[in-house]
Amino acid sequence: MLGMDSDLYLLAWSKLQEAAFLWLSDVPLSVSTREELQGLMQRLSPSELAAFGARLRPVLSDSQHVQSFIEMVLAPRSQAC
């Protein structure tokens, strides 16, 4: 079970990091990418999500960018950029 959780965490981190770099490059995320990220993030624990936020901070420069990015990822489809 731990291996499965670890695999899920690594997959989610990889996808989230890839999306963050696209977002920083002003490349809009596709609906399918956002839905995949949302599905992965919903399967993670709150502590794992908090760890993602901490790991994204250096990638996205500061906590405000992290918050904006996470809000964009989790926004309903009608609010997609």
PDB file of N, CA and C in Angstrom:
ATOM      1  N   MET A   1       0.823  -1.197   0.000  1.00  0.00           N
ATOM      2  CA  MET A   1       0.000   0.000   0.000  1.00  0.00           C
ATOM      3  C   MET A   1       0.866   1.260   0.000  1.00  0.00           C
ATOM      4  N   LEU A   2       1.933   1.245   0.794  1.00  0.00           N
ATOM      5  CA  LEU A   2       2.804   2.416   0.841  1.00  0.00           C
ATOM      6  C   LEU A   2       3.412   2.687  -0.526  1.00  0.00           C
ATOM      7  N   GLY A   3       3.813   1.624  -1.246  1.00  0.00           N
ATOM      8  CA  GLY A   3       4.356   1.797  -2.584  1.00  0.00           C
ATOM      9  C   GLY A   3       3.362   2.467  -3.508  1.00  0.00           C
ATOM     10  N   MET A   4       2.091   2.105  -3.379  1.00  0.00           N
ATOM     11  CA  MET A   4       1.056   2.699  -4.206  1.00  0.00           C
ATOM     12  C   MET A   4       0.907   4.187  -3.892  1.00  0.00           C
ATOM     13  N   ASP A   5       0.888   4.523  -2.608  1.00  0.00           N
ATOM     14  CA  ASP A   5       0.784   5.925  -2.209  1.00  0.00           C
ATOM     15  C   ASP A   5       1.984   6.714  -2.707  1.00  0.00           C
ATOM     16  N   SER A   6       3.159   6.107  -2.608  1.00  0.00           N
ATOM     17  CA  SER A   6       4.377   6.759  -3.061  1.00  0.00           C
ATOM     18  C   SER A   6       4.334   6.988  -4.572  1.00  0.00           C
ATOM     19  N   ASP A   7       3.865   5.985  -5.309  1.00  0.00           N
ATOM     20  CA  ASP A   7       3.746   6.128  -6.761  1.00  0.00           C
ATOM     21  C   ASP A   7       2.762   7.232  -7.120  1.00  0.00           C
ATOM     22  N   LEU A   8       1.640   7.280  -6.416  1.00  0.00           N
ATOM     23  CA  LEU A   8       0.639   8.318  -6.656  1.00  0.00           C
ATOM     24  C   LEU A   8       1.234   9.693  -6.370  1.00  0.00           C
ATOM     25  N   TYR A   9       1.948   9.807  -5.265  1.00  0.00           N
ATOM     26  CA  TYR A   9       2.564  11.080  -4.896  1.00  0.00           C
ATOM     27  C   TYR A   9       3.556  11.525  -5.970  1.00  0.00           C
ATOM     28  N   LEU A  10       4.407  10.607  -6.414  1.00  0.00           N
ATOM     29  CA  LEU A  10       5.413  10.954  -7.425  1.00  0.00           C
ATOM     30  C   LEU A  10       4.771  11.316  -8.759  1.00  0.00           C
ATOM     31  N   LEU A  11       3.725  10.596  -9.149  1.00  0.00           N
ATOM     32  CA  LEU A  11       3.021  10.914 -10.385  1.00  0.00           C
ATOM     33  C   LEU A  11       2.373  12.293 -10.283  1.00  0.00           C
ATOM     34  N   ALA A  12       1.692  12.539  -9.172  1.00  0.00           N
ATOM     35  CA  ALA A  12       1.034  13.832  -8.987  1.00  0.00           C
ATOM     36  C   ALA A  12       2.063  14.960  -8.975  1.00  0.00           C
ATOM     37  N   TRP A  13       3.182  14.750  -8.283  1.00  0.00           N
ATOM     38  CA  TRP A  13       4.216  15.788  -8.231  1.00  0.00           C
ATOM     39  C   TRP A  13       4.772  16.064  -9.622  1.00  0.00           C
ATOM     40  N   SER A  14       5.033  15.026 -10.384  1.00  0.00           N
ATOM     41  CA  SER A  14       5.559  15.183 -11.735  1.00  0.00           C
ATOM     42  C   SER A  14       4.594  15.983 -12.611  1.00  0.00           C
ATOM     43  N   LYS A  15       3.319  15.621 -12.566  1.00  0.00           N
ATOM     44  CA  LYS A  15       2.309  16.309 -13.380  1.00  0.00           C
ATOM     45  C   LYS A  15       2.133  17.755 -12.923  1.00  0.00           C
ATOM     46  N   LEU A  16       2.149  17.968 -11.611  1.00  0.00           N
ATOM     47  CA  LEU A  16       1.970  19.319 -11.075  1.00  0.00           C
ATOM     48  C   LEU A  16       3.158  20.204 -11.430  1.00  0.00           C
ATOM     49  N   GLN A  17       4.356  19.663 -11.337  1.00  0.00           N
ATOM     50  CA  GLN A  17       5.552  20.424 -11.683  1.00  0.00           C
ATOM     51  C   GLN A  17       5.548  20.787 -13.172  1.00  0.00           C
ATOM     52  N   GLU A  18       5.169  19.839 -14.010  1.00  0.00           N
ATOM     53  CA  GLU A  18       5.077  20.100 -15.450  1.00  0.00           C
ATOM     54  C   GLU A  18       4.057  21.213 -15.731  1.00  0.00           C
ATOM     55  N   ALA A  19       2.909  21.140 -15.068  1.00  0.00           N
ATOM     56  CA  ALA A  19       1.879  22.161 -15.246  1.00  0.00           C
ATOM     57  C   ALA A  19       2.360  23.524 -14.750  1.00  0.00           C
ATOM     58  N   ALA A  20       3.124  23.531 -13.660  1.00  0.00           N
ATOM     59  CA  ALA A  20       3.639  24.796 -13.121  1.00  0.00           C
ATOM     60  C   ALA A  20       4.578  25.471 -14.119  1.00  0.00           C
ATOM     61  N   PHE A  21       5.423  24.687 -14.761  1.00  0.00           N
ATOM     62  CA  PHE A  21       6.332  25.277 -15.749  1.00  0.00           C
ATOM     63  C   PHE A  21       5.568  25.818 -16.951  1.00  0.00           C
ATOM     64  N   LEU A  22       4.536  25.106 -17.381  1.00  0.00           N
ATOM     65  CA  LEU A  22       3.697  25.620 -18.472  1.00  0.00           C
ATOM     66  C   LEU A  22       3.031  26.926 -18.056  1.00  0.00           C
ATOM     67  N   TRP A  23       2.495  26.937 -16.834  1.00  0.00           N
ATOM     68  CA  TRP A  23       1.801  28.118 -16.312  1.00  0.00           C
ATOM     69  C   TRP A  23       2.752  29.316 -16.254  1.00  0.00           C
ATOM     70  N   LEU A  24       3.988  29.077 -15.801  1.00  0.00           N
ATOM     71  CA  LEU A  24       4.978  30.155 -15.736  1.00  0.00           C
ATOM     72  C   LEU A  24       5.335  30.675 -17.125  1.00  0.00           C
ATOM     73  N   SER A  25       5.189  29.821 -18.126  1.00  0.00           N
ATOM     74  CA  SER A  25       5.488  30.212 -19.509  1.00  0.00           C
ATOM     75  C   SER A  25       4.266  30.787 -20.214  1.00  0.00           C
ATOM     76  N   ASP A  26       3.218  31.065 -19.450  1.00  0.00           N
ATOM     77  CA  ASP A  26       1.963  31.604 -19.993  1.00  0.00           C
ATOM     78  C   ASP A  26       1.323  30.681 -21.022  1.00  0.00           C
ATOM     79  N   VAL A  27       1.516  29.376 -20.839  1.00  0.00           N
ATOM     80  CA  VAL A  27       0.863  28.389 -21.697  1.00  0.00           C
ATOM     81  C   VAL A  27      -0.372  27.895 -20.949  1.00  0.00           C
ATOM     82  N   PRO A  28      -1.561  28.127 -21.493  1.00  0.00           N
ATOM     83  CA  PRO A  28      -2.763  27.676 -20.783  1.00  0.00           C
ATOM     84  C   PRO A  28      -2.814  26.151 -20.699  1.00  0.00           C
ATOM     85  N   LEU A  29      -3.279  25.656 -19.564  1.00  0.00           N
ATOM     86  CA  LEU A  29      -3.409  24.216 -19.397  1.00  0.00           C
ATOM     87  C   LEU A  29      -4.653  23.735 -20.126  1.00  0.00           C
ATOM     88  N   SER A  30      -4.538  22.600 -20.760  1.00  0.00           N
ATOM     89  CA  SER A  30      -5.706  22.027 -21.427  1.00  0.00           C
ATOM     90  C   SER A  30      -6.694  21.531 -20.372  1.00  0.00           C
ATOM     91  N   VAL A  31      -7.937  21.406 -20.775  1.00  0.00           N
ATOM     92  CA  VAL A  31      -8.967  20.906 -19.864  1.00  0.00           C
ATOM     93  C   VAL A  31      -8.598  19.507 -19.379  1.00  0.00           C
ATOM     94  N   SER A  32      -8.106  18.663 -20.263  1.00  0.00           N
ATOM     95  CA  SER A  32      -7.761  17.294 -19.862  1.00  0.00           C
ATOM     96  C   SER A  32      -6.612  17.280 -18.849  1.00  0.00           C
ATOM     97  N   THR A  33      -5.637  18.164 -19.017  1.00  0.00           N
ATOM     98  CA  THR A  33      -4.529  18.252 -18.060  1.00  0.00           C
ATOM     99  C   THR A  33      -5.039  18.707 -16.705  1.00  0.00           C
ATOM    100  N   ARG A  34      -5.894  19.728 -16.699  1.00  0.00           N
ATOM    101  CA  ARG A  34      -6.450  20.220 -15.434  1.00  0.00           C
ATOM    102  C   ARG A  34      -7.281  19.139 -14.750  1.00  0.00           C
ATOM    103  N   GLU A  35      -8.091  18.418 -15.520  1.00  0.00           N
ATOM    104  CA  GLU A  35      -8.922  17.363 -14.938  1.00  0.00           C
ATOM    105  C   GLU A  35      -8.062  16.233 -14.381  1.00  0.00           C
ATOM    106  N   GLU A  36      -6.983  15.891 -15.075  1.00  0.00           N
ATOM    107  CA  GLU A  36      -6.074  14.859 -14.578  1.00  0.00           C
ATOM    108  C   GLU A  36      -5.432  15.306 -13.266  1.00  0.00           C
ATOM    109  N   LEU A  37      -4.970  16.547 -13.214  1.00  0.00           N
ATOM    110  CA  LEU A  37      -4.377  17.074 -11.981  1.00  0.00           C
ATOM    111  C   LEU A  37      -5.395  17.102 -10.847  1.00  0.00           C
ATOM    112  N   GLN A  38      -6.607  17.547 -11.142  1.00  0.00           N
ATOM    113  CA  GLN A  38      -7.648  17.592 -10.116  1.00  0.00           C
ATOM    114  C   GLN A  38      -7.909  16.197  -9.556  1.00  0.00           C
ATOM    115  N   GLY A  39      -7.997  15.204 -10.451  1.00  0.00           N
ATOM    116  CA  GLY A  39      -8.228  13.829 -10.011  1.00  0.00           C
ATOM    117  C   GLY A  39      -7.105  13.314  -9.128  1.00  0.00           C
ATOM    118  N   LEU A  40      -5.872  13.599  -9.513  1.00  0.00           N
ATOM    119  CA  LEU A  40      -4.724  13.169  -8.711  1.00  0.00           C
ATOM    120  C   LEU A  40      -4.707  13.878  -7.362  1.00  0.00           C
ATOM    121  N   MET A  41      -4.955  15.180  -7.362  1.00  0.00           N
ATOM    122  CA  MET A  41      -4.892  15.948  -6.121  1.00  0.00           C
ATOM    123  C   MET A  41      -5.993  15.538  -5.148  1.00  0.00           C
ATOM    124  N   GLN A  42      -7.142  15.137  -5.664  1.00  0.00           N
ATOM    125  CA  GLN A  42      -8.235  14.702  -4.799  1.00  0.00           C
ATOM    126  C   GLN A  42      -7.903  13.393  -4.092  1.00  0.00           C
ATOM    127  N   ARG A  43      -6.979  12.631  -4.632  1.00  0.00           N
ATOM    128  CA  ARG A  43      -6.597  11.349  -4.034  1.00  0.00           C
ATOM    129  C   ARG A  43      -5.482  11.498  -3.001  1.00  0.00           C
ATOM    130  N   LEU A  44      -4.928  12.687  -2.868  1.00  0.00           N
ATOM    131  CA  LEU A  44      -3.836  12.919  -1.925  1.00  0.00           C
ATOM    132  C   LEU A  44      -4.372  13.424  -0.597  1.00  0.00           C
ATOM    133  N   SER A  45      -3.609  13.180   0.451  1.00  0.00           N
ATOM    134  CA  SER A  45      -3.988  13.652   1.780  1.00  0.00           C
ATOM    135  C   SER A  45      -3.691  15.148   1.904  1.00  0.00           C
ATOM    136  N   PRO A  46      -4.335  15.810   2.872  1.00  0.00           N
ATOM    137  CA  PRO A  46      -4.041  17.237   3.095  1.00  0.00           C
ATOM    138  C   PRO A  46      -2.561  17.501   3.372  1.00  0.00           C
ATOM    139  N   SER A  47      -1.895  16.597   4.084  1.00  0.00           N
ATOM    140  CA  SER A  47      -0.469  16.816   4.369  1.00  0.00           C
ATOM    141  C   SER A  47       0.367  16.692   3.094  1.00  0.00           C
ATOM    142  N   GLU A  48      -0.028  15.787   2.194  1.00  0.00           N
ATOM    143  CA  GLU A  48       0.689  15.670   0.921  1.00  0.00           C
ATOM    144  C   GLU A  48       0.468  16.915   0.062  1.00  0.00           C
ATOM    145  N   LEU A  49      -0.751  17.438   0.071  1.00  0.00           N
ATOM    146  CA  LEU A  49      -1.029  18.668  -0.677  1.00  0.00           C
ATOM    147  C   LEU A  49      -0.231  19.840  -0.117  1.00  0.00           C
ATOM    148  N   ALA A  50      -0.123  19.908   1.213  1.00  0.00           N
ATOM    149  CA  ALA A  50       0.670  20.971   1.836  1.00  0.00           C
ATOM    150  C   ALA A  50       2.141  20.834   1.442  1.00  0.00           C
ATOM    151  N   ALA A  51       2.623  19.601   1.371  1.00  0.00           N
ATOM    152  CA  ALA A  51       4.011  19.371   0.957  1.00  0.00           C
ATOM    153  C   ALA A  51       4.217  19.830  -0.483  1.00  0.00           C
ATOM    154  N   PHE A  52       3.214  19.606  -1.345  1.00  0.00           N
ATOM    155  CA  PHE A  52       3.304  20.088  -2.723  1.00  0.00           C
ATOM    156  C   PHE A  52       3.436  21.604  -2.746  1.00  0.00           C
ATOM    157  N   GLY A  53       2.638  22.278  -1.937  1.00  0.00           N
ATOM    158  CA  GLY A  53       2.713  23.739  -1.885  1.00  0.00           C
ATOM    159  C   GLY A  53       4.105  24.207  -1.508  1.00  0.00           C
ATOM    160  N   ALA A  54       4.692  23.544  -0.521  1.00  0.00           N
ATOM    161  CA  ALA A  54       6.041  23.910  -0.082  1.00  0.00           C
ATOM    162  C   ALA A  54       7.070  23.629  -1.178  1.00  0.00           C
ATOM    163  N   ARG A  55       6.897  22.521  -1.883  1.00  0.00           N
ATOM    164  CA  ARG A  55       7.848  22.169  -2.951  1.00  0.00           C
ATOM    165  C   ARG A  55       7.681  23.067  -4.173  1.00  0.00           C
ATOM    166  N   LEU A  56       6.485  23.590  -4.386  1.00  0.00           N
ATOM    167  CA  LEU A  56       6.251  24.466  -5.537  1.00  0.00           C
ATOM    168  C   LEU A  56       6.776  25.879  -5.317  1.00  0.00           C
ATOM    169  N   ARG A  57       6.928  26.277  -4.063  1.00  0.00           N
ATOM    170  CA  ARG A  57       7.334  27.660  -3.771  1.00  0.00           C
ATOM    171  C   ARG A  57       8.608  28.064  -4.507  1.00  0.00           C
ATOM    172  N   PRO A  58       9.690  27.261  -4.492  1.00  0.00           N
ATOM    173  CA  PRO A  58      10.890  27.667  -5.243  1.00  0.00           C
ATOM    174  C   PRO A  58      10.655  27.700  -6.755  1.00  0.00           C
ATOM    175  N   VAL A  59       9.799  26.812  -7.250  1.00  0.00           N
ATOM    176  CA  VAL A  59       9.514  26.756  -8.684  1.00  0.00           C
ATOM    177  C   VAL A  59       8.737  27.997  -9.126  1.00  0.00           C
ATOM    178  N   LEU A  60       7.785  28.399  -8.311  1.00  0.00           N
ATOM    179  CA  LEU A  60       6.885  29.498  -8.676  1.00  0.00           C
ATOM    180  C   LEU A  60       7.271  30.830  -8.040  1.00  0.00           C
ATOM    181  N   SER A  61       8.416  30.920  -7.445  1.00  0.00           N
ATOM    182  CA  SER A  61       8.990  32.153  -6.892  1.00  0.00           C
ATOM    183  C   SER A  61       8.494  32.528  -5.506  1.00  0.00           C
ATOM    184  N   ASP A  62       7.188  32.485  -5.260  1.00  0.00           N
ATOM    185  CA  ASP A  62       6.699  32.866  -3.933  1.00  0.00           C
ATOM    186  C   ASP A  62       5.348  32.237  -3.648  1.00  0.00           C
ATOM    187  N   SER A  63       4.887  32.401  -2.419  1.00  0.00           N
ATOM    188  CA  SER A  63       3.651  31.752  -1.995  1.00  0.00           C
ATOM    189  C   SER A  63       2.425  32.294  -2.720  1.00  0.00           C
ATOM    190  N   GLN A  64       2.446  33.553  -3.145  1.00  0.00           N
ATOM    191  CA  GLN A  64       1.305  34.106  -3.875  1.00  0.00           C
ATOM    192  C   GLN A  64       1.147  33.408  -5.222  1.00  0.00           C
ATOM    193  N   HIS A  65       2.251  33.149  -5.897  1.00  0.00           N
ATOM    194  CA  HIS A  65       2.183  32.417  -7.159  1.00  0.00           C
ATOM    195  C   HIS A  65       1.695  30.987  -6.937  1.00  0.00           C
ATOM    196  N   VAL A  66       2.127  30.356  -5.855  1.00  0.00           N
ATOM    197  CA  VAL A  66       1.673  28.998  -5.543  1.00  0.00           C
ATOM    198  C   VAL A  66       0.163  29.002  -5.363  1.00  0.00           C
ATOM    199  N   GLN A  67      -0.345  29.955  -4.579  1.00  0.00           N
ATOM    200  CA  GLN A  67      -1.784  30.040  -4.330  1.00  0.00           C
ATOM    201  C   GLN A  67      -2.545  30.261  -5.632  1.00  0.00           C
ATOM    202  N   SER A  68      -2.085  31.166  -6.467  1.00  0.00           N
ATOM    203  CA  SER A  68      -2.749  31.445  -7.749  1.00  0.00           C
ATOM    204  C   SER A  68      -2.739  30.216  -8.652  1.00  0.00           C
ATOM    205  N   PHE A  69      -1.616  29.520  -8.681  1.00  0.00           N
ATOM    206  CA  PHE A  69      -1.499  28.328  -9.515  1.00  0.00           C
ATOM    207  C   PHE A  69      -2.454  27.236  -9.042  1.00  0.00           C
ATOM    208  N   ILE A  70      -2.468  26.976  -7.736  1.00  0.00           N
ATOM    209  CA  ILE A  70      -3.344  25.935  -7.185  1.00  0.00           C
ATOM    210  C   ILE A  70      -4.806  26.292  -7.432  1.00  0.00           C
ATOM    211  N   GLU A  71      -5.165  27.561  -7.252  1.00  0.00           N
ATOM    212  CA  GLU A  71      -6.542  27.986  -7.520  1.00  0.00           C
ATOM    213  C   GLU A  71      -6.900  27.763  -8.982  1.00  0.00           C
ATOM    214  N   MET A  72      -5.972  28.035  -9.884  1.00  0.00           N
ATOM    215  CA  MET A  72      -6.228  27.836 -11.306  1.00  0.00           C
ATOM    216  C   MET A  72      -6.423  26.350 -11.605  1.00  0.00           C
ATOM    217  N   VAL A  73      -5.590  25.504 -11.024  1.00  0.00           N
ATOM    218  CA  VAL A  73      -5.699  24.064 -11.261  1.00  0.00           C
ATOM    219  C   VAL A  73      -7.040  23.542 -10.755  1.00  0.00           C
ATOM    220  N   LEU A  74      -7.452  24.018  -9.593  1.00  0.00           N
ATOM    221  CA  LEU A  74      -8.662  23.496  -8.966  1.00  0.00           C
ATOM    222  C   LEU A  74      -9.935  24.217  -9.385  1.00  0.00           C
ATOM    223  N   ALA A  75      -9.813  25.258 -10.199  1.00  0.00           N
ATOM    224  CA  ALA A  75     -10.994  26.018 -10.624  1.00  0.00           C
ATOM    225  C   ALA A  75     -11.940  25.128 -11.431  1.00  0.00           C
ATOM    226  N   PRO A  76     -13.236  25.374 -11.294  1.00  0.00           N
ATOM    227  CA  PRO A  76     -14.189  24.637 -12.132  1.00  0.00           C
ATOM    228  C   PRO A  76     -13.896  24.879 -13.607  1.00  0.00           C
ATOM    229  N   ARG A  77     -14.303  23.952 -14.429  1.00  0.00           N
ATOM    230  CA  ARG A  77     -14.026  24.010 -15.867  1.00  0.00           C
ATOM    231  C   ARG A  77     -14.474  25.336 -16.475  1.00  0.00           C
ATOM    232  N   SER A  78     -15.587  25.889 -16.032  1.00  0.00           N
ATOM    233  CA  SER A  78     -16.109  27.134 -16.611  1.00  0.00           C
ATOM    234  C   SER A  78     -15.185  28.316 -16.370  1.00  0.00           C
ATOM    235  N   GLN A  79     -14.284  28.197 -15.384  1.00  0.00           N
ATOM    236  CA  GLN A  79     -13.361  29.290 -15.079  1.00  0.00           C
ATOM    237  C   GLN A  79     -11.980  29.061 -15.675  1.00  0.00           C
ATOM    238  N   ALA A  80     -11.836  28.061 -16.510  1.00  0.00           N
ATOM    239  CA  ALA A  80     -10.525  27.735 -17.085  1.00  0.00           C
ATOM    240  C   ALA A  80      -9.981  28.904 -17.886  1.00  0.00           C
ATOM    241  N   CYS A  81      -8.659  29.045 -17.829  1.00  0.00           N
ATOM    242  CA  CYS A  81      -8.004  30.133 -18.559  1.00  0.00           C
ATOM    243  C   CYS A  81      -7.649  29.676 -19.951  1.00  0.00           C
TER     244      CYS A  81
END
